Amino acid sequence: MTAYNRDGAMRFDGNSGAAVNYEPNSLHGSTQDPASRERSRYVTGTVDRHNHRLDGDYYTQPGNLFRLMKPDARERLVGNIVASMKSVPRRILLNRPFPSSKT
């Protein structure tokens, strides 16, 4: 399977060098993986993709999910987040503005 994400944040692995990452290409590079196709669905009415860039509300939905969680699931989630952030230097954490809470 080929991922077409390149040159993202923090890439340090050579990022496939000068190899092409688009399809079709004449260099026998990457090809589309049929297993990655979006499944077809039967729908009635109008459908469209949601443009997530229309608003900046990135907190309501995850907050609602967190409030639905059982206390032990909340503890595991917070514990996992804390554990994954232990290697982040404190000076970086302190220089990041946190959004105000919407409750």
PDB file of N, CA and C in Angstrom:
ATOM      1  N   MET A   1       0.845  -1.179   0.000  1.00  0.00           N
ATOM      2  CA  MET A   1       0.000   0.000   0.000  1.00  0.00           C
ATOM      3  C   MET A   1       0.891   1.243   0.000  1.00  0.00           C
ATOM      4  N   THR A   2       0.522   2.205  -0.750  1.00  0.00           N
ATOM      5  CA  THR A   2       1.306   3.423  -0.866  1.00  0.00           C
ATOM      6  C   THR A   2       0.592   4.574  -0.196  1.00  0.00           C
ATOM      7  N   ALA A   3       1.315   5.299   0.613  1.00  0.00           N
ATOM      8  CA  ALA A   3       0.767   6.516   1.204  1.00  0.00           C
ATOM      9  C   ALA A   3       1.276   7.702   0.400  1.00  0.00           C
ATOM     10  N   TYR A   4       0.388   8.613   0.088  1.00  0.00           N
ATOM     11  CA  TYR A   4       0.781   9.756  -0.720  1.00  0.00           C
ATOM     12  C   TYR A   4       1.069  10.984   0.129  1.00  0.00           C
ATOM     13  N   ASN A   5       1.272  10.792   1.400  1.00  0.00           N
ATOM     14  CA  ASN A   5       1.635  11.901   2.280  1.00  0.00           C
ATOM     15  C   ASN A   5       3.152  12.011   2.285  1.00  0.00           C
ATOM     16  N   ARG A   6       3.652  13.161   1.901  1.00  0.00           N
ATOM     17  CA  ARG A   6       5.097  13.361   1.889  1.00  0.00           C
ATOM     18  C   ARG A   6       5.427  14.717   2.458  1.00  0.00           C
ATOM     19  N   ASP A   7       6.639  14.829   2.916  1.00  0.00           N
ATOM     20  CA  ASP A   7       7.184  16.097   3.384  1.00  0.00           C
ATOM     21  C   ASP A   7       6.366  16.699   4.506  1.00  0.00           C
ATOM     22  N   GLY A   8       5.735  15.855   5.299  1.00  0.00           N
ATOM     23  CA  GLY A   8       4.962  16.347   6.431  1.00  0.00           C
ATOM     24  C   GLY A   8       5.872  16.797   7.555  1.00  0.00           C
ATOM     25  N   ALA A   9       5.278  17.237   8.618  1.00  0.00           N
ATOM     26  CA  ALA A   9       6.040  17.728   9.763  1.00  0.00           C
ATOM     27  C   ALA A   9       6.965  16.642  10.301  1.00  0.00           C
ATOM     28  N   MET A  10       8.168  17.033  10.616  1.00  0.00           N
ATOM     29  CA  MET A  10       9.138  16.185  11.316  1.00  0.00           C
ATOM     30  C   MET A  10       9.663  15.006  10.487  1.00  0.00           C
ATOM     31  N   ARG A  11       9.636  15.094   9.173  1.00  0.00           N
ATOM     32  CA  ARG A  11      10.177  13.995   8.369  1.00  0.00           C
ATOM     33  C   ARG A  11      11.694  13.990   8.506  1.00  0.00           C
ATOM     34  N   PHE A  12      12.263  12.816   8.783  1.00  0.00           N
ATOM     35  CA  PHE A  12      13.705  12.715   8.955  1.00  0.00           C
ATOM     36  C   PHE A  12      14.257  11.435   8.351  1.00  0.00           C
ATOM     37  N   ASP A  13      13.469  10.750   7.537  1.00  0.00           N
ATOM     38  CA  ASP A  13      13.866   9.427   7.067  1.00  0.00           C
ATOM     39  C   ASP A  13      14.221   9.373   5.581  1.00  0.00           C
ATOM     40  N   GLY A  14      14.500  10.501   4.963  1.00  0.00           N
ATOM     41  CA  GLY A  14      14.827  10.500   3.550  1.00  0.00           C
ATOM     42  C   GLY A  14      13.606  10.651   2.659  1.00  0.00           C
ATOM     43  N   ASN A  15      12.445  10.281   3.173  1.00  0.00           N
ATOM     44  CA  ASN A  15      11.168  10.536   2.510  1.00  0.00           C
ATOM     45  C   ASN A  15      11.128  10.059   1.067  1.00  0.00           C
ATOM     46  N   SER A  16      11.676   8.891   0.802  1.00  0.00           N
ATOM     47  CA  SER A  16      11.682   8.264  -0.527  1.00  0.00           C
ATOM     48  C   SER A  16      12.516   9.027  -1.552  1.00  0.00           C
ATOM     49  N   GLY A  17      13.325   9.947  -1.112  1.00  0.00           N
ATOM     50  CA  GLY A  17      14.237  10.647  -2.009  1.00  0.00           C
ATOM     51  C   GLY A  17      13.534  11.330  -3.162  1.00  0.00           C
ATOM     52  N   ALA A  18      14.051  11.109  -4.383  1.00  0.00           N
ATOM     53  CA  ALA A  18      13.487  11.753  -5.569  1.00  0.00           C
ATOM     54  C   ALA A  18      12.409  10.903  -6.230  1.00  0.00           C
ATOM     55  N   ALA A  19      12.022   9.794  -5.612  1.00  0.00           N
ATOM     56  CA  ALA A  19      11.008   8.918  -6.210  1.00  0.00           C
ATOM     57  C   ALA A  19       9.687   9.674  -6.372  1.00  0.00           C
ATOM     58  N   VAL A  20       8.990   9.359  -7.450  1.00  0.00           N
ATOM     59  CA  VAL A  20       7.701  10.016  -7.683  1.00  0.00           C
ATOM     60  C   VAL A  20       6.654   9.442  -6.736  1.00  0.00           C
ATOM     61  N   ASN A  21       5.717  10.271  -6.346  1.00  0.00           N
ATOM     62  CA  ASN A  21       4.640   9.779  -5.481  1.00  0.00           C
ATOM     63  C   ASN A  21       3.287  10.209  -6.021  1.00  0.00           C
ATOM     64  N   TYR A  22       3.160  10.210  -7.325  1.00  0.00           N
ATOM     65  CA  TYR A  22       1.889  10.554  -7.947  1.00  0.00           C
ATOM     66  C   TYR A  22       1.571   9.481  -8.982  1.00  0.00           C
ATOM     67  N   GLU A  23       0.312   9.395  -9.308  1.00  0.00           N
ATOM     68  CA  GLU A  23      -0.127   8.405 -10.263  1.00  0.00           C
ATOM     69  C   GLU A  23      -1.187   9.028 -11.153  1.00  0.00           C
ATOM     70  N   PRO A  24      -1.179   8.742 -12.435  1.00  0.00           N
ATOM     71  CA  PRO A  24      -0.231   7.864 -13.129  1.00  0.00           C
ATOM     72  C   PRO A  24       1.115   8.549 -13.328  1.00  0.00           C
ATOM     73  N   ASN A  25       2.160   7.738 -13.500  1.00  0.00           N
ATOM     74  CA  ASN A  25       3.482   8.270 -13.782  1.00  0.00           C
ATOM     75  C   ASN A  25       4.170   7.345 -14.773  1.00  0.00           C
ATOM     76  N   SER A  26       5.135   7.863 -15.479  1.00  0.00           N
ATOM     77  CA  SER A  26       5.836   7.070 -16.497  1.00  0.00           C
ATOM     78  C   SER A  26       7.136   6.472 -15.951  1.00  0.00           C
ATOM     79  N   LEU A  27       7.359   6.604 -14.651  1.00  0.00           N
ATOM     80  CA  LEU A  27       8.613   6.129 -14.056  1.00  0.00           C
ATOM     81  C   LEU A  27       8.422   4.837 -13.270  1.00  0.00           C
ATOM     82  N   HIS A  28       7.292   4.184 -13.473  1.00  0.00           N
ATOM     83  CA  HIS A  28       6.977   2.925 -12.785  1.00  0.00           C
ATOM     84  C   HIS A  28       7.024   3.098 -11.271  1.00  0.00           C
ATOM     85  N   GLY A  29       6.564   4.241 -10.825  1.00  0.00           N
ATOM     86  CA  GLY A  29       6.531   4.519  -9.390  1.00  0.00           C
ATOM     87  C   GLY A  29       5.250   4.020  -8.760  1.00  0.00           C
ATOM     88  N   SER A  30       4.786   4.733  -7.791  1.00  0.00           N
ATOM     89  CA  SER A  30       3.625   4.344  -7.010  1.00  0.00           C
ATOM     90  C   SER A  30       2.392   4.129  -7.882  1.00  0.00           C
ATOM     91  N   THR A  31       1.579   3.187  -7.457  1.00  0.00           N
ATOM     92  CA  THR A  31       0.282   2.969  -8.103  1.00  0.00           C
ATOM     93  C   THR A  31      -0.788   2.930  -7.033  1.00  0.00           C
ATOM     94  N   GLN A  32      -1.998   3.219  -7.444  1.00  0.00           N
ATOM     95  CA  GLN A  32      -3.116   3.243  -6.505  1.00  0.00           C
ATOM     96  C   GLN A  32      -3.405   1.832  -6.013  1.00  0.00           C
ATOM     97  N   ASP A  33      -3.653   1.703  -4.724  1.00  0.00           N
ATOM     98  CA  ASP A  33      -3.997   0.428  -4.117  1.00  0.00           C
ATOM     99  C   ASP A  33      -5.519   0.295  -4.123  1.00  0.00           C
ATOM    100  N   PRO A  34      -6.078  -0.643  -4.866  1.00  0.00           N
ATOM    101  CA  PRO A  34      -7.532  -0.783  -4.922  1.00  0.00           C
ATOM    102  C   PRO A  34      -8.161  -1.047  -3.555  1.00  0.00           C
ATOM    103  N   ALA A  35      -7.408  -1.626  -2.640  1.00  0.00           N
ATOM    104  CA  ALA A  35      -7.943  -1.900  -1.299  1.00  0.00           C
ATOM    105  C   ALA A  35      -8.217  -0.616  -0.521  1.00  0.00           C
ATOM    106  N   SER A  36      -7.633   0.498  -0.976  1.00  0.00           N
ATOM    107  CA  SER A  36      -7.810   1.768  -0.271  1.00  0.00           C
ATOM    108  C   SER A  36      -8.966   2.597  -0.812  1.00  0.00           C
ATOM    109  N   ARG A  37      -9.684   2.077  -1.785  1.00  0.00           N
ATOM    110  CA  ARG A  37     -10.814   2.810  -2.346  1.00  0.00           C
ATOM    111  C   ARG A  37     -11.890   3.017  -1.292  1.00  0.00           C
ATOM    112  N   GLU A  38     -12.575   4.135  -1.416  1.00  0.00           N
ATOM    113  CA  GLU A  38     -13.720   4.382  -0.551  1.00  0.00           C
ATOM    114  C   GLU A  38     -14.855   3.474  -1.021  1.00  0.00           C
ATOM    115  N   ARG A  39     -15.508   2.834  -0.065  1.00  0.00           N
ATOM    116  CA  ARG A  39     -16.594   1.924  -0.413  1.00  0.00           C
ATOM    117  C   ARG A  39     -17.775   2.692  -0.995  1.00  0.00           C
ATOM    118  N   SER A  40     -18.477   2.055  -1.915  1.00  0.00           N
ATOM    119  CA  SER A  40     -19.689   2.679  -2.442  1.00  0.00           C
ATOM    120  C   SER A  40     -20.817   2.512  -1.420  1.00  0.00           C
ATOM    121  N   ARG A  41     -21.741   3.445  -1.447  1.00  0.00           N
ATOM    122  CA  ARG A  41     -22.861   3.424  -0.502  1.00  0.00           C
ATOM    123  C   ARG A  41     -24.129   3.797  -1.251  1.00  0.00           C
ATOM    124  N   TYR A  42     -25.222   3.237  -0.814  1.00  0.00           N
ATOM    125  CA  TYR A  42     -26.509   3.633  -1.356  1.00  0.00           C
ATOM    126  C   TYR A  42     -27.032   4.782  -0.507  1.00  0.00           C
ATOM    127  N   VAL A  43     -27.379   5.878  -1.130  1.00  0.00           N
ATOM    128  CA  VAL A  43     -27.922   7.025  -0.409  1.00  0.00           C
ATOM    129  C   VAL A  43     -29.113   7.576  -1.176  1.00  0.00           C
ATOM    130  N   THR A  44     -29.959   8.288  -0.453  1.00  0.00           N
ATOM    131  CA  THR A  44     -31.028   9.037  -1.101  1.00  0.00           C
ATOM    132  C   THR A  44     -30.882  10.477  -0.663  1.00  0.00           C
ATOM    133  N   GLY A  45     -31.210  11.389  -1.512  1.00  0.00           N
ATOM    134  CA  GLY A  45     -31.076  12.794  -1.167  1.00  0.00           C
ATOM    135  C   GLY A  45     -29.717  13.333  -1.563  1.00  0.00           C
ATOM    136  N   THR A  46     -29.398  14.497  -1.046  1.00  0.00           N
ATOM    137  CA  THR A  46     -28.162  15.187  -1.386  1.00  0.00           C
ATOM    138  C   THR A  46     -27.072  14.837  -0.389  1.00  0.00           C
ATOM    139  N   VAL A  47     -25.909  14.527  -0.884  1.00  0.00           N
ATOM    140  CA  VAL A  47     -24.754  14.248  -0.028  1.00  0.00           C
ATOM    141  C   VAL A  47     -23.592  15.105  -0.494  1.00  0.00           C
ATOM    142  N   ASP A  48     -22.689  15.389   0.412  1.00  0.00           N
ATOM    143  CA  ASP A  48     -21.523  16.191   0.095  1.00  0.00           C
ATOM    144  C   ASP A  48     -20.475  15.919   1.155  1.00  0.00           C
ATOM    145  N   ARG A  49     -19.264  16.319   0.908  1.00  0.00           N
ATOM    146  CA  ARG A  49     -18.214  16.211   1.919  1.00  0.00           C
ATOM    147  C   ARG A  49     -18.258  17.440   2.814  1.00  0.00           C
ATOM    148  N   HIS A  50     -17.926  17.249   4.068  1.00  0.00           N
ATOM    149  CA  HIS A  50     -17.897  18.356   5.022  1.00  0.00           C
ATOM    150  C   HIS A  50     -16.543  19.046   4.934  1.00  0.00           C
ATOM    151  N   ASN A  51     -16.546  20.342   4.766  1.00  0.00           N
ATOM    152  CA  ASN A  51     -15.303  21.106   4.752  1.00  0.00           C
ATOM    153  C   ASN A  51     -14.962  21.458   6.205  1.00  0.00           C
ATOM    154  N   HIS A  52     -14.025  20.734   6.778  1.00  0.00           N
ATOM    155  CA  HIS A  52     -13.675  20.930   8.181  1.00  0.00           C
ATOM    156  C   HIS A  52     -12.950  22.253   8.430  1.00  0.00           C
ATOM    157  N   ARG A  53     -12.610  22.958   7.376  1.00  0.00           N
ATOM    158  CA  ARG A  53     -11.908  24.239   7.544  1.00  0.00           C
ATOM    159  C   ARG A  53     -12.864  25.422   7.685  1.00  0.00           C
ATOM    160  N   LEU A  54     -14.165  25.167   7.646  1.00  0.00           N
ATOM    161  CA  LEU A  54     -15.128  26.268   7.697  1.00  0.00           C
ATOM    162  C   LEU A  54     -15.197  26.924   9.069  1.00  0.00           C
ATOM    163  N   ASP A  55     -14.921  26.184  10.109  1.00  0.00           N
ATOM    164  CA  ASP A  55     -14.950  26.778  11.443  1.00  0.00           C
ATOM    165  C   ASP A  55     -13.748  26.272  12.235  1.00  0.00           C
ATOM    166  N   GLY A  56     -13.512  26.870  13.359  1.00  0.00           N
ATOM    167  CA  GLY A  56     -12.366  26.495  14.185  1.00  0.00           C
ATOM    168  C   GLY A  56     -12.770  25.710  15.413  1.00  0.00           C
ATOM    169  N   ASP A  57     -13.933  25.086  15.400  1.00  0.00           N
ATOM    170  CA  ASP A  57     -14.394  24.351  16.577  1.00  0.00           C
ATOM    171  C   ASP A  57     -13.867  22.917  16.530  1.00  0.00           C
ATOM    172  N   TYR A  58     -12.700  22.748  17.096  1.00  0.00           N
ATOM    173  CA  TYR A  58     -12.086  21.427  17.124  1.00  0.00           C
ATOM    174  C   TYR A  58     -12.259  20.755  18.486  1.00  0.00           C
ATOM    175  N   TYR A  59     -13.053  21.329  19.365  1.00  0.00           N
ATOM    176  CA  TYR A  59     -13.094  20.869  20.747  1.00  0.00           C
ATOM    177  C   TYR A  59     -14.455  20.357  21.189  1.00  0.00           C
ATOM    178  N   THR A  60     -15.541  20.811  20.579  1.00  0.00           N
ATOM    179  CA  THR A  60     -16.865  20.403  21.044  1.00  0.00           C
ATOM    180  C   THR A  60     -17.079  18.902  20.895  1.00  0.00           C
ATOM    181  N   GLN A  61     -16.843  18.362  19.719  1.00  0.00           N
ATOM    182  CA  GLN A  61     -17.090  16.944  19.499  1.00  0.00           C
ATOM    183  C   GLN A  61     -16.193  16.062  20.369  1.00  0.00           C
ATOM    184  N   PRO A  62     -14.866  16.291  20.426  1.00  0.00           N
ATOM    185  CA  PRO A  62     -14.071  15.440  21.316  1.00  0.00           C
ATOM    186  C   PRO A  62     -14.453  15.634  22.781  1.00  0.00           C
ATOM    187  N   GLY A  63     -14.851  16.863  23.160  1.00  0.00           N
ATOM    188  CA  GLY A  63     -15.287  17.093  24.534  1.00  0.00           C
ATOM    189  C   GLY A  63     -16.541  16.313  24.858  1.00  0.00           C
ATOM    190  N   ASN A  64     -17.479  16.291  23.910  1.00  0.00           N
ATOM    191  CA  ASN A  64     -18.696  15.518  24.119  1.00  0.00           C
ATOM    192  C   ASN A  64     -18.386  14.032  24.252  1.00  0.00           C
ATOM    193  N   LEU A  65     -17.470  13.532  23.433  1.00  0.00           N
ATOM    194  CA  LEU A  65     -17.078  12.129  23.527  1.00  0.00           C
ATOM    195  C   LEU A  65     -16.441  11.835  24.879  1.00  0.00           C
ATOM    196  N   PHE A  66     -15.560  12.720  25.329  1.00  0.00           N
ATOM    197  CA  PHE A  66     -14.902  12.532  26.628  1.00  0.00           C
ATOM    198  C   PHE A  66     -15.943  12.462  27.749  1.00  0.00           C
ATOM    199  N   ARG A  67     -16.944  13.342  27.699  1.00  0.00           N
ATOM    200  CA  ARG A  67     -17.974  13.343  28.742  1.00  0.00           C
ATOM    201  C   ARG A  67     -18.848  12.098  28.694  1.00  0.00           C
ATOM    202  N   LEU A  68     -18.921  11.420  27.544  1.00  0.00           N
ATOM    203  CA  LEU A  68     -19.682  10.176  27.438  1.00  0.00           C
ATOM    204  C   LEU A  68     -18.916   8.981  27.991  1.00  0.00           C
ATOM    205  N   MET A  69     -17.601   9.114  28.096  1.00  0.00           N
ATOM    206  CA  MET A  69     -16.767   7.994  28.531  1.00  0.00           C
ATOM    207  C   MET A  69     -16.997   7.665  29.997  1.00  0.00           C
ATOM    208  N   LYS A  70     -16.805   6.388  30.313  1.00  0.00           N
ATOM    209  CA  LYS A  70     -16.842   5.956  31.712  1.00  0.00           C
ATOM    210  C   LYS A  70     -15.582   6.456  32.399  1.00  0.00           C
ATOM    211  N   PRO A  71     -15.640   6.661  33.719  1.00  0.00           N
ATOM    212  CA  PRO A  71     -14.472   7.212  34.435  1.00  0.00           C
ATOM    213  C   PRO A  71     -13.166   6.451  34.183  1.00  0.00           C
ATOM    214  N   ASP A  72     -13.208   5.117  34.136  1.00  0.00           N
ATOM    215  CA  ASP A  72     -11.972   4.364  33.918  1.00  0.00           C
ATOM    216  C   ASP A  72     -11.419   4.598  32.512  1.00  0.00           C
ATOM    217  N   ALA A  73     -12.298   4.778  31.514  1.00  0.00           N
ATOM    218  CA  ALA A  73     -11.842   5.071  30.152  1.00  0.00           C
ATOM    219  C   ALA A  73     -11.229   6.464  30.085  1.00  0.00           C
ATOM    220  N   ARG A  74     -11.805   7.402  30.817  1.00  0.00           N
ATOM    221  CA  ARG A  74     -11.231   8.760  30.871  1.00  0.00           C
ATOM    222  C   ARG A  74      -9.831   8.709  31.470  1.00  0.00           C
ATOM    223  N   GLU A  75      -9.682   7.959  32.551  1.00  0.00           N
ATOM    224  CA  GLU A  75      -8.367   7.854  33.205  1.00  0.00           C
ATOM    225  C   GLU A  75      -7.331   7.253  32.265  1.00  0.00           C
ATOM    226  N   ARG A  76      -7.708   6.221  31.526  1.00  0.00           N
ATOM    227  CA  ARG A  76      -6.769   5.612  30.575  1.00  0.00           C
ATOM    228  C   ARG A  76      -6.388   6.596  29.476  1.00  0.00           C
ATOM    229  N   LEU A  77      -7.382   7.319  28.966  1.00  0.00           N
ATOM    230  CA  LEU A  77      -7.106   8.292  27.912  1.00  0.00           C
ATOM    231  C   LEU A  77      -6.141   9.366  28.393  1.00  0.00           C
ATOM    232  N   VAL A  78      -6.438   9.947  29.549  1.00  0.00           N
ATOM    233  CA  VAL A  78      -5.569  11.002  30.087  1.00  0.00           C
ATOM    234  C   VAL A  78      -4.184  10.435  30.384  1.00  0.00           C
ATOM    235  N   GLY A  79      -4.128   9.235  30.930  1.00  0.00           N
ATOM    236  CA  GLY A  79      -2.842   8.599  31.212  1.00  0.00           C
ATOM    237  C   GLY A  79      -2.018   8.390  29.949  1.00  0.00           C
ATOM    238  N   ASN A  80      -2.668   7.973  28.871  1.00  0.00           N
ATOM    239  CA  ASN A  80      -1.964   7.771  27.596  1.00  0.00           C
ATOM    240  C   ASN A  80      -1.452   9.093  27.032  1.00  0.00           C
ATOM    241  N   ILE A  81      -2.267  10.136  27.147  1.00  0.00           N
ATOM    242  CA  ILE A  81      -1.837  11.445  26.645  1.00  0.00           C
ATOM    243  C   ILE A  81      -0.640  11.954  27.443  1.00  0.00           C
ATOM    244  N   VAL A  82      -0.728  11.847  28.765  1.00  0.00           N
ATOM    245  CA  VAL A  82       0.368  12.294  29.627  1.00  0.00           C
ATOM    246  C   VAL A  82       1.637  11.508  29.319  1.00  0.00           C
ATOM    247  N   ALA A  83       1.512  10.192  29.190  1.00  0.00           N
ATOM    248  CA  ALA A  83       2.687   9.359  28.915  1.00  0.00           C
ATOM    249  C   ALA A  83       3.325   9.727  27.582  1.00  0.00           C
ATOM    250  N   SER A  84       2.509  10.025  26.571  1.00  0.00           N
ATOM    251  CA  SER A  84       3.071  10.349  25.263  1.00  0.00           C
ATOM    252  C   SER A  84       3.705  11.734  25.235  1.00  0.00           C
ATOM    253  N   MET A  85       3.360  12.590  26.192  1.00  0.00           N
ATOM    254  CA  MET A  85       3.911  13.951  26.209  1.00  0.00           C
ATOM    255  C   MET A  85       5.083  14.116  27.161  1.00  0.00           C
ATOM    256  N   LYS A  86       5.481  13.051  27.852  1.00  0.00           N
ATOM    257  CA  LYS A  86       6.577  13.170  28.820  1.00  0.00           C
ATOM    258  C   LYS A  86       7.892  13.589  28.181  1.00  0.00           C
ATOM    259  N   SER A  87       8.086  13.260  26.914  1.00  0.00           N
ATOM    260  CA  SER A  87       9.344  13.617  26.262  1.00  0.00           C
ATOM    261  C   SER A  87       9.332  15.033  25.692  1.00  0.00           C
ATOM    262  N   VAL A  88       8.195  15.715  25.725  1.00  0.00           N
ATOM    263  CA  VAL A  88       8.123  17.079  25.209  1.00  0.00           C
ATOM    264  C   VAL A  88       8.747  18.026  26.236  1.00  0.00           C
ATOM    265  N   PRO A  89       9.730  18.818  25.827  1.00  0.00           N
ATOM    266  CA  PRO A  89      10.362  19.737  26.775  1.00  0.00           C
ATOM    267  C   PRO A  89       9.345  20.703  27.390  1.00  0.00           C
ATOM    268  N   ARG A  90       9.478  20.943  28.671  1.00  0.00           N
ATOM    269  CA  ARG A  90       8.546  21.793  29.407  1.00  0.00           C
ATOM    270  C   ARG A  90       8.447  23.192  28.793  1.00  0.00           C
ATOM    271  N   ARG A  91       9.546  23.726  28.313  1.00  0.00           N
ATOM    272  CA  ARG A  91       9.521  25.073  27.746  1.00  0.00           C
ATOM    273  C   ARG A  91       8.614  25.135  26.521  1.00  0.00           C
ATOM    274  N   ILE A  92       8.517  24.045  25.764  1.00  0.00           N
ATOM    275  CA  ILE A  92       7.630  24.012  24.605  1.00  0.00           C
ATOM    276  C   ILE A  92       6.181  23.980  25.060  1.00  0.00           C
ATOM    277  N   LEU A  93       5.895  23.180  26.061  1.00  0.00           N
ATOM    278  CA  LEU A  93       4.520  23.093  26.566  1.00  0.00           C
ATOM    279  C   LEU A  93       4.051  24.426  27.137  1.00  0.00           C
ATOM    280  N   LEU A  94       4.925  25.124  27.821  1.00  0.00           N
ATOM    281  CA  LEU A  94       4.538  26.380  28.463  1.00  0.00           C
ATOM    282  C   LEU A  94       4.356  27.518  27.463  1.00  0.00           C
ATOM    283  N   ASN A  95       4.928  27.388  26.274  1.00  0.00           N
ATOM    284  CA  ASN A  95       4.805  28.442  25.274  1.00  0.00           C
ATOM    285  C   ASN A  95       3.632  28.228  24.323  1.00  0.00           C
ATOM    286  N   ARG A  96       2.811  27.223  24.569  1.00  0.00           N
ATOM    287  CA  ARG A  96       1.666  26.943  23.712  1.00  0.00           C
ATOM    288  C   ARG A  96       0.399  27.490  24.351  1.00  0.00           C
ATOM    289  N   PRO A  97      -0.334  28.324  23.629  1.00  0.00           N
ATOM    290  CA  PRO A  97      -1.600  28.801  24.172  1.00  0.00           C
ATOM    291  C   PRO A  97      -2.650  27.694  24.121  1.00  0.00           C
ATOM    292  N   PHE A  98      -3.385  27.520  25.187  1.00  0.00           N
ATOM    293  CA  PHE A  98      -4.449  26.541  25.224  1.00  0.00           C
ATOM    294  C   PHE A  98      -5.762  27.257  24.984  1.00  0.00           C
ATOM    295  N   PRO A  99      -6.668  26.626  24.239  1.00  0.00           N
ATOM    296  CA  PRO A  99      -7.959  27.286  23.970  1.00  0.00           C
ATOM    297  C   PRO A  99      -8.786  27.385  25.230  1.00  0.00           C
ATOM    298  N   SER A 100      -9.628  28.389  25.272  1.00  0.00           N
ATOM    299  CA  SER A 100     -10.514  28.519  26.413  1.00  0.00           C
ATOM    300  C   SER A 100     -11.558  27.414  26.327  1.00  0.00           C
ATOM    301  N   SER A 101     -11.974  26.929  27.469  1.00  0.00           N
ATOM    302  CA  SER A 101     -12.932  25.834  27.535  1.00  0.00           C
ATOM    303  C   SER A 101     -14.338  26.324  27.265  1.00  0.00           C
ATOM    304  N   LYS A 102     -15.059  25.603  26.426  1.00  0.00           N
ATOM    305  CA  LYS A 102     -16.474  25.903  26.192  1.00  0.00           C
ATOM    306  C   LYS A 102     -17.287  24.850  26.945  1.00  0.00           C
ATOM    307  N   THR A 103     -17.859  25.205  28.039  1.00  0.00           N
ATOM    308  CA  THR A 103     -18.640  24.223  28.783  1.00  0.00           C
ATOM    309  C   THR A 103     -20.090  24.552  28.770  1.00  0.00           C
TER     310      THR A 103
END
